[in-house]
């Protein structure tokens, strides 16, 4: 079974567990739900490779409702294959994913977002909760034996094609993203993610595999991950394939105190109603004057748009005309969602802009 680190009284302390069973296919639970129950909490799995002198790392399930990365790693472990080099696999928000009805919660009520605790940020400043301590443990572990790369696997809740997100956009990062997708977002926004915390130590990227629950997203996660696991040489310094790059994302959120709904027009009693089909615009170049929602009569300015430096650019990017919330300039929306809980706990979407193709 999974080795359990000592705990303080009744779960006050949460520590990374290490997989203590053998790694033969028969020792891995036959399905993802069983495997997740065996893990029970944040777990680090080490898989010996043909070359024991090197390590590659993956993290996944930092949000409990984003299972594609876990599904890919589970399927790969069940194959019983030997990787090219040692692997370190971190499965994060296990307890969140196990909470009924399963894979339903981004994070649990009253707990911090596990994807926001890896660096000090506005959202985690001064906090010393269990998730923060787990993040410190994993960062210590990674820095004690720096991997060749770290890939952090995620899903979206809206209609999005697969893409990568990087805090740095050098040649190694582009080569890693190209294993999964041909789109990449370069972001300077500090949110406290694991990629931000490690990008200066080794190449680190986030991969958004597609919509949660979509079999195509699960398949993409597995194919891209196998490409990294199986390669004797990742050739991260080689000339990368051409990628579609969007830059300078701005995080668009509902202003505090403004009620949010999704629908087909303005609704009395709802401060902001976003279009029910708004996520159809993801990765499209949306022209100036596009209606993305509606504002109830008497509602204050409904959104904020925070980019690098913490400056609110919402008045530059959006306009309210009549009761329509419109774009004031063209933009490429990313991560638009119609999932109300995610929109409130994270953001409505990111507004970004195209950059020339990098190659």
Foldseek 3Di string as FASTA:
>chain_A
DWADDDDDPPHQADAEIERDDDLALVVADPALLVNLVVRVAKYKYKAAAPAALAEEEEEEPLFLLWCLLSLLVSVVSNVRDHFLHMYIYIYHGSVNQNPPPGSPGRHDPPDDRLFQQLDDDPRCPPHDGNSNVRSVVVVVVCLVHPHQEYEYEGEFAFFAAKEKEACDDDQLLLLLRVLQDQAYEHAVDRRRGPRVNCVVPHHYMYIHQGHRPDVSSSVSSNRSVCVVRHDNDSPSVDAHDWHWYWYFKWFKAWPPPAAEAEDPADDPPHQKYFHPNLSVQAQPFAAFFDFGIFGHPPHDDTMFIATPPRDTCLVVFWDQDPGTITGRGIWHWHSQHNDVVCCHVGNRTITTGTDPIGD
